[in-house]
């Protein structure tokens, strides 16, 4: 397969961006993006006290809100919020904090990937493109990690996969190219696309031949104009299976980047704690110095009194 318009190979992700935001009034927050066109931001609060009507006696209540960059949440935003809730209900150990609330707010920070006007881009995703949906899943995982107060089964990583249409209408399906992380410029030319979310957890059965923990696919919205089998060099292989395998390799790369970012997050957190400790110590020394100054002034007064008596 040749290089794509942006110079990437078919199996290559765009440059990943991970930022821990440190938003006020949130226990955790993070921003994630594939390239410059899919930035999303997630904030997490919890476990906190829930409203009486939403309290569950044996589980924590999970609320997820998807906010568009402009205007009020639409039907598509509510549908996507339901999808994210189905994903993270499998990830968060809700039975560990019963009678509490975990609240997540997810927002797309760009409107450059809008595919609602095309038939294939609608469905579960609504107006949100596949890269934006995958970015939302990843920023939500990062925010949960950043919070540190919510028990998790593992880390969810998501990527998008698409199938580029062949230049010849009569060409067999095998000549169509699957691509990882399609860009906004490639989306209009896709004849199939979808997001694959994988849970990486050491608690899963099985072993991994590489350094990442075992993983399992927990959600996908793959849609295609032809879900049949495609004949390739190795024989008849299901196209969905090939897309899933490509997505898994991309998700592994996302997991590695998240793991690397956590080390930086912990280092920054420790540096903040050290700075706070140094500040308190400085304040303590300043207070001690002030007390010593008063003692010195008392000694000077006593010396002056002695001199007056003489």
C-alpha atoms as a PDB file:
ATOM      1  CA  UNK A   1       0.000   0.000   0.000  1.00  0.00           C
ATOM      2  CA  UNK A   2       1.301   3.410  -0.913  1.00  0.00           C
ATOM      3  CA  UNK A   3       1.589   6.401   1.343  1.00  0.00           C
ATOM      4  CA  UNK A   4      -1.507   8.480   2.030  1.00  0.00           C
ATOM      5  CA  UNK A   5      -1.994  12.147   1.172  1.00  0.00           C
ATOM      6  CA  UNK A   6      -0.458  13.253   4.486  1.00  0.00           C
ATOM      7  CA  UNK A   7       2.550  10.955   4.074  1.00  0.00           C
ATOM      8  CA  UNK A   8       1.468   8.273   6.531  1.00  0.00           C
ATOM      9  CA  UNK A   9       1.374   4.565   5.826  1.00  0.00           C
ATOM     10  CA  UNK A  10      -1.932   2.698   6.085  1.00  0.00           C
ATOM     11  CA  UNK A  11      -1.092   1.422   9.600  1.00  0.00           C
ATOM     12  CA  UNK A  12       0.220   4.714  10.997  1.00  0.00           C
ATOM     13  CA  UNK A  13      -1.502   7.002  13.506  1.00  0.00           C
ATOM     14  CA  UNK A  14      -1.322  10.753  13.389  1.00  0.00           C
ATOM     15  CA  UNK A  15       0.802  12.411  16.078  1.00  0.00           C
ATOM     16  CA  UNK A  16      -0.813  11.957  19.477  1.00  0.00           C
ATOM     17  CA  UNK A  17      -1.258  14.815  21.935  1.00  0.00           C
ATOM     18  CA  UNK A  18      -1.807  14.209  25.665  1.00  0.00           C
ATOM     19  CA  UNK A  19      -2.177  17.036  28.181  1.00  0.00           C
ATOM     20  CA  UNK A  20      -3.283  16.815  31.816  1.00  0.00           C
ATOM     21  CA  UNK A  21      -5.197  20.053  32.264  1.00  0.00           C
ATOM     22  CA  UNK A  22      -5.597  20.409  36.045  1.00  0.00           C
ATOM     23  CA  UNK A  23      -9.013  22.083  35.759  1.00  0.00           C
ATOM     24  CA  UNK A  24     -10.483  23.703  38.855  1.00  0.00           C
ATOM     25  CA  UNK A  25     -13.463  21.990  40.516  1.00  0.00           C
ATOM     26  CA  UNK A  26     -12.580  18.664  38.893  1.00  0.00           C
ATOM     27  CA  UNK A  27     -10.830  15.664  40.398  1.00  0.00           C
ATOM     28  CA  UNK A  28      -9.234  14.816  37.068  1.00  0.00           C
ATOM     29  CA  UNK A  29      -9.032  16.340  33.598  1.00  0.00           C
ATOM     30  CA  UNK A  30      -7.162  15.634  30.385  1.00  0.00           C
ATOM     31  CA  UNK A  31      -7.011  16.571  26.725  1.00  0.00           C
ATOM     32  CA  UNK A  32      -6.292  14.140  23.887  1.00  0.00           C
ATOM     33  CA  UNK A  33      -5.980  14.509  20.113  1.00  0.00           C
ATOM     34  CA  UNK A  34      -5.031  12.595  16.991  1.00  0.00           C
ATOM     35  CA  UNK A  35      -3.216  15.279  15.042  1.00  0.00           C
ATOM     36  CA  UNK A  36      -4.527  18.869  15.068  1.00  0.00           C
ATOM     37  CA  UNK A  37      -8.151  18.139  14.108  1.00  0.00           C
ATOM     38  CA  UNK A  38      -9.588  15.940  16.878  1.00  0.00           C
ATOM     39  CA  UNK A  39      -8.847  17.606  20.250  1.00  0.00           C
ATOM     40  CA  UNK A  40     -11.238  16.627  23.030  1.00  0.00           C
ATOM     41  CA  UNK A  41     -11.339  17.512  26.726  1.00  0.00           C
ATOM     42  CA  UNK A  42     -12.761  15.467  29.594  1.00  0.00           C
ATOM     43  CA  UNK A  43     -13.223  16.375  33.244  1.00  0.00           C
ATOM     44  CA  UNK A  44     -14.084  13.899  36.010  1.00  0.00           C
ATOM     45  CA  UNK A  45     -15.585  14.517  39.437  1.00  0.00           C
ATOM     46  CA  UNK A  46     -16.083  11.767  41.945  1.00  0.00           C
ATOM     47  CA  UNK A  47     -16.870   9.889  43.906  1.00  0.00           C
ATOM     48  CA  UNK A  48     -19.183  12.654  45.188  1.00  0.00           C
ATOM     49  CA  UNK A  49     -22.541  12.768  46.890  1.00  0.00           C
ATOM     50  CA  UNK A  50     -25.325  12.014  44.404  1.00  0.00           C
ATOM     51  CA  UNK A  51     -28.773  13.495  44.127  1.00  0.00           C
ATOM     52  CA  UNK A  52     -31.255  11.439  46.175  1.00  0.00           C
ATOM     53  CA  UNK A  53     -33.186  10.308  43.090  1.00  0.00           C
ATOM     54  CA  UNK A  54     -30.033   8.968  41.386  1.00  0.00           C
ATOM     55  CA  UNK A  55     -28.534   7.171  44.382  1.00  0.00           C
ATOM     56  CA  UNK A  56     -27.995   3.429  43.959  1.00  0.00           C
ATOM     57  CA  UNK A  57     -27.750   1.268  47.104  1.00  0.00           C
ATOM     58  CA  UNK A  58     -25.079  -1.102  45.792  1.00  0.00           C
ATOM     59  CA  UNK A  59     -23.345   0.784  42.957  1.00  0.00           C
ATOM     60  CA  UNK A  60     -21.894   4.168  42.147  1.00  0.00           C
ATOM     61  CA  UNK A  61     -23.958   6.171  39.668  1.00  0.00           C
ATOM     62  CA  UNK A  62     -22.148   7.070  36.445  1.00  0.00           C
ATOM     63  CA  UNK A  63     -23.197  10.202  34.572  1.00  0.00           C
ATOM     64  CA  UNK A  64     -21.573  11.240  31.293  1.00  0.00           C
ATOM     65  CA  UNK A  65     -22.401  14.449  29.451  1.00  0.00           C
ATOM     66  CA  UNK A  66     -21.161  15.283  25.948  1.00  0.00           C
ATOM     67  CA  UNK A  67     -21.042  18.993  25.242  1.00  0.00           C
ATOM     68  CA  UNK A  68     -20.651  20.347  21.705  1.00  0.00           C
ATOM     69  CA  UNK A  69     -18.267  23.189  21.031  1.00  0.00           C
ATOM     70  CA  UNK A  70     -21.199  25.435  20.143  1.00  0.00           C
ATOM     71  CA  UNK A  71     -24.913  25.489  21.006  1.00  0.00           C
ATOM     72  CA  UNK A  72     -26.764  23.098  23.309  1.00  0.00           C
ATOM     73  CA  UNK A  73     -26.338  19.306  23.408  1.00  0.00           C
ATOM     74  CA  UNK A  74     -28.184  17.672  20.520  1.00  0.00           C
ATOM     75  CA  UNK A  75     -29.697  14.242  20.076  1.00  0.00           C
ATOM     76  CA  UNK A  76     -26.380  13.055  18.657  1.00  0.00           C
ATOM     77  CA  UNK A  77     -24.568  14.295  21.770  1.00  0.00           C
ATOM     78  CA  UNK A  78     -26.953  12.362  23.998  1.00  0.00           C
ATOM     79  CA  UNK A  79     -26.509   9.244  21.863  1.00  0.00           C
ATOM     80  CA  UNK A  80     -22.741   9.524  22.127  1.00  0.00           C
ATOM     81  CA  UNK A  81     -23.003  10.062  25.893  1.00  0.00           C
ATOM     82  CA  UNK A  82     -24.935   6.792  26.104  1.00  0.00           C
ATOM     83  CA  UNK A  83     -22.192   5.051  24.092  1.00  0.00           C
ATOM     84  CA  UNK A  84     -19.479   6.389  26.385  1.00  0.00           C
ATOM     85  CA  UNK A  85     -21.477   5.306  29.426  1.00  0.00           C
ATOM     86  CA  UNK A  86     -21.750   1.764  28.033  1.00  0.00           C
ATOM     87  CA  UNK A  87     -17.974   1.710  27.519  1.00  0.00           C
ATOM     88  CA  UNK A  88     -16.935   3.037  30.912  1.00  0.00           C
ATOM     89  CA  UNK A  89     -19.562   1.088  32.835  1.00  0.00           C
ATOM     90  CA  UNK A  90     -17.460  -1.932  31.856  1.00  0.00           C
ATOM     91  CA  UNK A  91     -14.264  -0.209  33.006  1.00  0.00           C
ATOM     92  CA  UNK A  92     -15.074   1.546  36.292  1.00  0.00           C
ATOM     93  CA  UNK A  93     -15.550  -0.659  39.355  1.00  0.00           C
ATOM     94  CA  UNK A  94     -18.895   0.868  40.272  1.00  0.00           C
ATOM     95  CA  UNK A  95     -19.463  -1.574  43.148  1.00  0.00           C
ATOM     96  CA  UNK A  96     -16.505  -0.123  45.067  1.00  0.00           C
ATOM     97  CA  UNK A  97     -18.237   3.150  45.940  1.00  0.00           C
ATOM     98  CA  UNK A  98     -21.979   2.571  46.340  1.00  0.00           C
ATOM     99  CA  UNK A  99     -24.325   5.505  46.980  1.00  0.00           C
ATOM    100  CA  UNK A 100     -21.927   7.923  45.260  1.00  0.00           C
ATOM    101  CA  UNK A 101     -21.818   9.748  41.923  1.00  0.00           C
ATOM    102  CA  UNK A 102     -19.107   9.750  39.263  1.00  0.00           C
ATOM    103  CA  UNK A 103     -19.634  12.544  36.766  1.00  0.00           C
ATOM    104  CA  UNK A 104     -17.781  12.984  33.479  1.00  0.00           C
ATOM    105  CA  UNK A 105     -18.069  15.894  31.036  1.00  0.00           C
ATOM    106  CA  UNK A 106     -16.640  15.349  27.548  1.00  0.00           C
ATOM    107  CA  UNK A 107     -16.261  18.090  24.952  1.00  0.00           C
ATOM    108  CA  UNK A 108     -14.996  18.188  21.376  1.00  0.00           C
ATOM    109  CA  UNK A 109     -12.752  21.218  20.922  1.00  0.00           C
ATOM    110  CA  UNK A 110     -12.895  21.236  17.112  1.00  0.00           C
ATOM    111  CA  UNK A 111     -15.606  21.018  14.461  1.00  0.00           C
ATOM    112  CA  UNK A 112     -13.277  20.144  11.582  1.00  0.00           C
ATOM    113  CA  UNK A 113     -14.360  16.486  11.594  1.00  0.00           C
ATOM    114  CA  UNK A 114     -18.105  16.662  10.945  1.00  0.00           C
ATOM    115  CA  UNK A 115     -19.557  13.811   8.937  1.00  0.00           C
ATOM    116  CA  UNK A 116     -23.247  13.924   9.811  1.00  0.00           C
ATOM    117  CA  UNK A 117     -24.143  15.109   6.341  1.00  0.00           C
ATOM    118  CA  UNK A 118     -22.848  11.868   4.803  1.00  0.00           C
ATOM    119  CA  UNK A 119     -24.843   8.690   5.154  1.00  0.00           C
ATOM    120  CA  UNK A 120     -21.999   6.528   6.421  1.00  0.00           C
ATOM    121  CA  UNK A 121     -20.958   8.996   9.080  1.00  0.00           C
ATOM    122  CA  UNK A 122     -24.311   9.109  10.831  1.00  0.00           C
ATOM    123  CA  UNK A 123     -25.680   6.158  12.791  1.00  0.00           C
ATOM    124  CA  UNK A 124     -24.467   5.817  16.366  1.00  0.00           C
ATOM    125  CA  UNK A 125     -21.830   8.487  15.938  1.00  0.00           C
ATOM    126  CA  UNK A 126     -24.153  11.274  14.809  1.00  0.00           C
ATOM    127  CA  UNK A 127     -22.240  14.312  13.597  1.00  0.00           C
ATOM    128  CA  UNK A 128     -19.059  13.267  15.385  1.00  0.00           C
ATOM    129  CA  UNK A 129     -16.404  11.789  13.118  1.00  0.00           C
ATOM    130  CA  UNK A 130     -14.645   8.513  13.974  1.00  0.00           C
ATOM    131  CA  UNK A 131     -11.421  10.234  15.024  1.00  0.00           C
ATOM    132  CA  UNK A 132     -13.292  12.561  17.371  1.00  0.00           C
ATOM    133  CA  UNK A 133     -15.172   9.676  18.995  1.00  0.00           C
ATOM    134  CA  UNK A 134     -11.934   7.740  19.539  1.00  0.00           C
ATOM    135  CA  UNK A 135     -10.335  10.886  20.938  1.00  0.00           C
ATOM    136  CA  UNK A 136     -13.222  11.309  23.403  1.00  0.00           C
ATOM    137  CA  UNK A 137     -12.773   7.757  24.681  1.00  0.00           C
ATOM    138  CA  UNK A 138      -9.048   8.323  25.188  1.00  0.00           C
ATOM    139  CA  UNK A 139      -9.418  11.708  26.913  1.00  0.00           C
ATOM    140  CA  UNK A 140     -12.002  10.160  29.250  1.00  0.00           C
ATOM    141  CA  UNK A 141      -9.572   7.358  30.140  1.00  0.00           C
ATOM    142  CA  UNK A 142      -6.830   9.903  30.793  1.00  0.00           C
ATOM    143  CA  UNK A 143      -9.102  12.003  33.015  1.00  0.00           C
ATOM    144  CA  UNK A 144     -10.004   8.933  35.091  1.00  0.00           C
ATOM    145  CA  UNK A 145      -6.309   8.129  35.485  1.00  0.00           C
ATOM    146  CA  UNK A 146      -5.594  11.746  36.410  1.00  0.00           C
ATOM    147  CA  UNK A 147      -8.317  11.714  39.083  1.00  0.00           C
ATOM    148  CA  UNK A 148      -6.769   8.758  40.897  1.00  0.00           C
ATOM    149  CA  UNK A 149      -9.851   8.441  43.109  1.00  0.00           C
ATOM    150  CA  UNK A 150     -11.890   6.066  40.948  1.00  0.00           C
ATOM    151  CA  UNK A 151     -11.063   2.324  40.871  1.00  0.00           C
ATOM    152  CA  UNK A 152     -10.689   0.907  37.347  1.00  0.00           C
ATOM    153  CA  UNK A 153     -10.475  -2.530  35.773  1.00  0.00           C
ATOM    154  CA  UNK A 154      -7.959  -1.204  33.288  1.00  0.00           C
ATOM    155  CA  UNK A 155      -7.405   1.455  30.640  1.00  0.00           C
ATOM    156  CA  UNK A 156      -9.621   1.888  27.576  1.00  0.00           C
ATOM    157  CA  UNK A 157      -7.904   2.950  24.338  1.00  0.00           C
ATOM    158  CA  UNK A 158      -9.731   3.634  21.090  1.00  0.00           C
ATOM    159  CA  UNK A 159      -8.781   4.225  17.466  1.00  0.00           C
ATOM    160  CA  UNK A 160     -10.656   4.619  14.187  1.00  0.00           C
ATOM    161  CA  UNK A 161     -10.292   2.510  11.044  1.00  0.00           C
ATOM    162  CA  UNK A 162     -11.670   3.202   7.582  1.00  0.00           C
ATOM    163  CA  UNK A 163     -11.782   1.618   4.143  1.00  0.00           C
ATOM    164  CA  UNK A 164     -10.824   3.768   1.188  1.00  0.00           C
ATOM    165  CA  UNK A 165     -12.837   3.181  -1.955  1.00  0.00           C
ATOM    166  CA  UNK A 166     -11.046   1.707  -4.949  1.00  0.00           C
ATOM    167  CA  UNK A 167     -10.444   4.004  -7.891  1.00  0.00           C
ATOM    168  CA  UNK A 168     -12.288   1.507 -10.113  1.00  0.00           C
ATOM    169  CA  UNK A 169     -15.957   0.819  -9.459  1.00  0.00           C
ATOM    170  CA  UNK A 170     -15.632  -2.698 -10.880  1.00  0.00           C
ATOM    171  CA  UNK A 171     -12.570  -3.573  -8.820  1.00  0.00           C
ATOM    172  CA  UNK A 172     -12.996  -6.337  -6.198  1.00  0.00           C
ATOM    173  CA  UNK A 173     -13.283  -5.475  -2.539  1.00  0.00           C
ATOM    174  CA  UNK A 174      -9.809  -6.871  -1.923  1.00  0.00           C
ATOM    175  CA  UNK A 175      -8.302  -3.884  -3.712  1.00  0.00           C
ATOM    176  CA  UNK A 176      -9.867  -1.466  -1.207  1.00  0.00           C
ATOM    177  CA  UNK A 177      -7.421  -0.266   1.420  1.00  0.00           C
ATOM    178  CA  UNK A 178      -8.032  -0.309   5.160  1.00  0.00           C
ATOM    179  CA  UNK A 179      -6.418   2.684   6.835  1.00  0.00           C
ATOM    180  CA  UNK A 180      -5.805   3.485  10.481  1.00  0.00           C
ATOM    181  CA  UNK A 181      -6.912   6.818  11.942  1.00  0.00           C
ATOM    182  CA  UNK A 182      -8.477   8.408   8.824  1.00  0.00           C
ATOM    183  CA  UNK A 183      -8.032  12.167   8.533  1.00  0.00           C
ATOM    184  CA  UNK A 184     -10.908  14.600   7.806  1.00  0.00           C
ATOM    185  CA  UNK A 185      -9.728  14.774   4.202  1.00  0.00           C
ATOM    186  CA  UNK A 186     -10.002  10.981   3.861  1.00  0.00           C
ATOM    187  CA  UNK A 187     -13.414  10.582   5.521  1.00  0.00           C
ATOM    188  CA  UNK A 188     -15.499  11.595   2.459  1.00  0.00           C
ATOM    189  CA  UNK A 189     -13.765   8.839   0.450  1.00  0.00           C
ATOM    190  CA  UNK A 190     -14.469   6.042   2.926  1.00  0.00           C
ATOM    191  CA  UNK A 191     -16.842   3.208   2.104  1.00  0.00           C
ATOM    192  CA  UNK A 192     -16.545   1.744   5.609  1.00  0.00           C
ATOM    193  CA  UNK A 193     -15.473   3.165   8.939  1.00  0.00           C
ATOM    194  CA  UNK A 194     -15.724   2.617  12.638  1.00  0.00           C
ATOM    195  CA  UNK A 195     -14.204   3.078  16.063  1.00  0.00           C
ATOM    196  CA  UNK A 196     -12.768   0.186  18.080  1.00  0.00           C
ATOM    197  CA  UNK A 197     -12.368   0.517  21.856  1.00  0.00           C
ATOM    198  CA  UNK A 198     -10.123  -1.980  23.672  1.00  0.00           C
ATOM    199  CA  UNK A 199      -9.767  -2.552  27.411  1.00  0.00           C
ATOM    200  CA  UNK A 200      -6.180  -3.180  28.517  1.00  0.00           C
ATOM    201  CA  UNK A 201      -6.031  -4.893  31.889  1.00  0.00           C
ATOM    202  CA  UNK A 202      -3.740  -7.316  33.681  1.00  0.00           C
ATOM    203  CA  UNK A 203      -6.898  -8.825  35.210  1.00  0.00           C
ATOM    204  CA  UNK A 204      -7.965 -10.226  31.830  1.00  0.00           C
ATOM    205  CA  UNK A 205      -7.230 -13.850  31.054  1.00  0.00           C
ATOM    206  CA  UNK A 206      -4.494 -14.650  28.598  1.00  0.00           C
ATOM    207  CA  UNK A 207      -1.048 -13.277  28.030  1.00  0.00           C
ATOM    208  CA  UNK A 208       0.422 -10.734  25.677  1.00  0.00           C
ATOM    209  CA  UNK A 209       3.606 -11.439  23.714  1.00  0.00           C
ATOM    210  CA  UNK A 210       4.721  -7.833  24.175  1.00  0.00           C
ATOM    211  CA  UNK A 211       4.921  -5.440  27.116  1.00  0.00           C
ATOM    212  CA  UNK A 212       1.283  -4.340  27.122  1.00  0.00           C
ATOM    213  CA  UNK A 213      -1.262  -6.215  29.280  1.00  0.00           C
ATOM    214  CA  UNK A 214      -3.931  -8.471  27.727  1.00  0.00           C
ATOM    215  CA  UNK A 215      -6.753  -6.658  25.959  1.00  0.00           C
ATOM    216  CA  UNK A 216     -10.281  -7.259  24.751  1.00  0.00           C
ATOM    217  CA  UNK A 217     -12.593  -5.412  22.380  1.00  0.00           C
ATOM    218  CA  UNK A 218     -15.438  -3.885  24.387  1.00  0.00           C
ATOM    219  CA  UNK A 219     -17.138  -1.682  21.771  1.00  0.00           C
ATOM    220  CA  UNK A 220     -17.190  -0.930  18.060  1.00  0.00           C
ATOM    221  CA  UNK A 221     -19.530   0.837  15.645  1.00  0.00           C
ATOM    222  CA  UNK A 222     -18.059  -0.486  12.369  1.00  0.00           C
ATOM    223  CA  UNK A 223     -20.353   0.232   9.431  1.00  0.00           C
ATOM    224  CA  UNK A 224     -19.785  -0.780   5.838  1.00  0.00           C
ATOM    225  CA  UNK A 225     -21.502  -0.872   2.493  1.00  0.00           C
ATOM    226  CA  UNK A 226     -20.184  -4.434   2.090  1.00  0.00           C
ATOM    227  CA  UNK A 227     -19.576  -6.531   5.187  1.00  0.00           C
ATOM    228  CA  UNK A 228     -18.815  -9.692   3.221  1.00  0.00           C
ATOM    229  CA  UNK A 229     -15.478 -11.408   2.988  1.00  0.00           C
ATOM    230  CA  UNK A 230     -12.709 -10.016   0.847  1.00  0.00           C
ATOM    231  CA  UNK A 231     -10.202 -12.129  -1.063  1.00  0.00           C
ATOM    232  CA  UNK A 232      -6.635 -11.149  -0.239  1.00  0.00           C
ATOM    233  CA  UNK A 233      -3.275 -12.844  -0.692  1.00  0.00           C
ATOM    234  CA  UNK A 234      -3.711 -15.099   2.357  1.00  0.00           C
ATOM    235  CA  UNK A 235      -7.128 -16.288   1.198  1.00  0.00           C
ATOM    236  CA  UNK A 236     -10.625 -15.451   2.337  1.00  0.00           C
ATOM    237  CA  UNK A 237     -10.480 -13.300   5.460  1.00  0.00           C
ATOM    238  CA  UNK A 238     -13.305 -11.400   7.039  1.00  0.00           C
ATOM    239  CA  UNK A 239     -12.894  -7.642   6.505  1.00  0.00           C
ATOM    240  CA  UNK A 240     -14.165  -6.822   9.974  1.00  0.00           C
ATOM    241  CA  UNK A 241     -11.516  -9.094  11.442  1.00  0.00           C
ATOM    242  CA  UNK A 242      -8.795  -7.307   9.496  1.00  0.00           C
ATOM    243  CA  UNK A 243     -10.124  -3.937  10.629  1.00  0.00           C
ATOM    244  CA  UNK A 244     -10.198  -5.139  14.229  1.00  0.00           C
ATOM    245  CA  UNK A 245      -6.606  -6.374  14.061  1.00  0.00           C
ATOM    246  CA  UNK A 246      -5.430  -3.077  12.570  1.00  0.00           C
ATOM    247  CA  UNK A 247      -7.325  -1.196  15.274  1.00  0.00           C
ATOM    248  CA  UNK A 248      -5.762  -3.321  18.005  1.00  0.00           C
ATOM    249  CA  UNK A 249      -2.260  -2.458  16.842  1.00  0.00           C
ATOM    250  CA  UNK A 250      -3.190   1.228  16.878  1.00  0.00           C
ATOM    251  CA  UNK A 251      -4.751   0.899  20.327  1.00  0.00           C
ATOM    252  CA  UNK A 252      -1.520  -0.668  21.610  1.00  0.00           C
ATOM    253  CA  UNK A 253       0.360   2.422  20.453  1.00  0.00           C
ATOM    254  CA  UNK A 254      -2.157   4.677  22.214  1.00  0.00           C
ATOM    255  CA  UNK A 255      -1.772   2.585  25.400  1.00  0.00           C
ATOM    256  CA  UNK A 256       2.019   2.969  25.259  1.00  0.00           C
ATOM    257  CA  UNK A 257       1.723   6.733  24.899  1.00  0.00           C
ATOM    258  CA  UNK A 258      -0.716   6.874  27.829  1.00  0.00           C
ATOM    259  CA  UNK A 259       1.656   4.801  29.965  1.00  0.00           C
ATOM    260  CA  UNK A 260       4.505   7.173  29.150  1.00  0.00           C
ATOM    261  CA  UNK A 261       2.349  10.198  29.976  1.00  0.00           C
ATOM    262  CA  UNK A 262       1.432   8.790  33.385  1.00  0.00           C
ATOM    263  CA  UNK A 263       5.092   8.807  34.422  1.00  0.00           C
ATOM    264  CA  UNK A 264       5.254  12.499  33.549  1.00  0.00           C
ATOM    265  CA  UNK A 265       1.986  13.153  35.382  1.00  0.00           C
ATOM    266  CA  UNK A 266       3.295  11.476  38.534  1.00  0.00           C
ATOM    267  CA  UNK A 267       6.576  13.384  38.308  1.00  0.00           C
ATOM    268  CA  UNK A 268       4.668  16.649  37.987  1.00  0.00           C
ATOM    269  CA  UNK A 269       2.433  15.736  40.906  1.00  0.00           C
ATOM    270  CA  UNK A 270       5.431  14.879  43.102  1.00  0.00           C
ATOM    271  CA  UNK A 271       7.127  18.122  42.094  1.00  0.00           C
ATOM    272  CA  UNK A 272       3.987  20.022  43.099  1.00  0.00           C
ATOM    273  CA  UNK A 273       3.946  18.268  46.459  1.00  0.00           C
ATOM    274  CA  UNK A 274       7.625  19.049  46.996  1.00  0.00           C
ATOM    275  CA  UNK A 275       7.011  22.681  46.078  1.00  0.00           C
ATOM    276  CA  UNK A 276       4.091  22.842  48.484  1.00  0.00           C
ATOM    277  CA  UNK A 277       6.248  21.324  51.233  1.00  0.00           C
ATOM    278  CA  UNK A 278       9.030  23.791  50.529  1.00  0.00           C
ATOM    279  CA  UNK A 279       6.529  26.648  50.711  1.00  0.00           C
ATOM    280  CA  UNK A 280       5.229  25.474  54.081  1.00  0.00           C
ATOM    281  CA  UNK A 281       8.800  25.129  55.343  1.00  0.00           C
ATOM    282  CA  UNK A 282       9.600  28.636  54.158  1.00  0.00           C
ATOM    283  CA  UNK A 283       6.547  29.956  55.949  1.00  0.00           C
ATOM    284  CA  UNK A 284       7.596  28.122  59.093  1.00  0.00           C
ATOM    285  CA  UNK A 285      11.084  29.547  58.914  1.00  0.00           C
ATOM    286  CA  UNK A 286       9.655  32.997  58.332  1.00  0.00           C
ATOM    287  CA  UNK A 287       7.495  32.635  61.421  1.00  0.00           C
ATOM    288  CA  UNK A 288      10.465  31.432  63.461  1.00  0.00           C
ATOM    289  CA  UNK A 289      12.542  34.309  62.213  1.00  0.00           C
ATOM    290  CA  UNK A 290       9.886  36.772  63.229  1.00  0.00           C
ATOM    291  CA  UNK A 291       9.734  35.246  66.714  1.00  0.00           C
ATOM    292  CA  UNK A 292      13.503  35.473  67.029  1.00  0.00           C
ATOM    293  CA  UNK A 293      13.342  39.124  66.011  1.00  0.00           C
ATOM    294  CA  UNK A 294      10.887  39.839  68.823  1.00  0.00           C
ATOM    295  CA  UNK A 295      13.176  38.062  71.285  1.00  0.00           C
ATOM    296  CA  UNK A 296      16.096  40.109  70.017  1.00  0.00           C
ATOM    297  CA  UNK A 297      14.084  43.330  70.464  1.00  0.00           C
ATOM    298  CA  UNK A 298      13.225  42.298  74.063  1.00  0.00           C
ATOM    299  CA  UNK A 299      16.921  41.672  74.759  1.00  0.00           C
ATOM    300  CA  UNK A 300      17.783  45.074  73.329  1.00  0.00           C
ATOM    301  CA  UNK A 301      15.117  46.723  75.518  1.00  0.00           C
ATOM    302  CA  UNK A 302      16.541  44.981  78.584  1.00  0.00           C
ATOM    303  CA  UNK A 303      20.026  46.211  77.697  1.00  0.00           C
ATOM    304  CA  UNK A 304      18.708  49.748  77.335  1.00  0.00           C
ATOM    305  CA  UNK A 305      16.994  49.491  80.739  1.00  0.00           C
ATOM    306  CA  UNK A 306      20.229  48.301  82.299  1.00  0.00           C
ATOM    307  CA  UNK A 307      22.067  51.229  80.812  1.00  0.00           C
ATOM    308  CA  UNK A 308      19.442  53.624  82.158  1.00  0.00           C
ATOM    309  CA  UNK A 309      19.808  52.176  85.630  1.00  0.00           C
ATOM    310  CA  UNK A 310      23.561  52.684  85.501  1.00  0.00           C
END
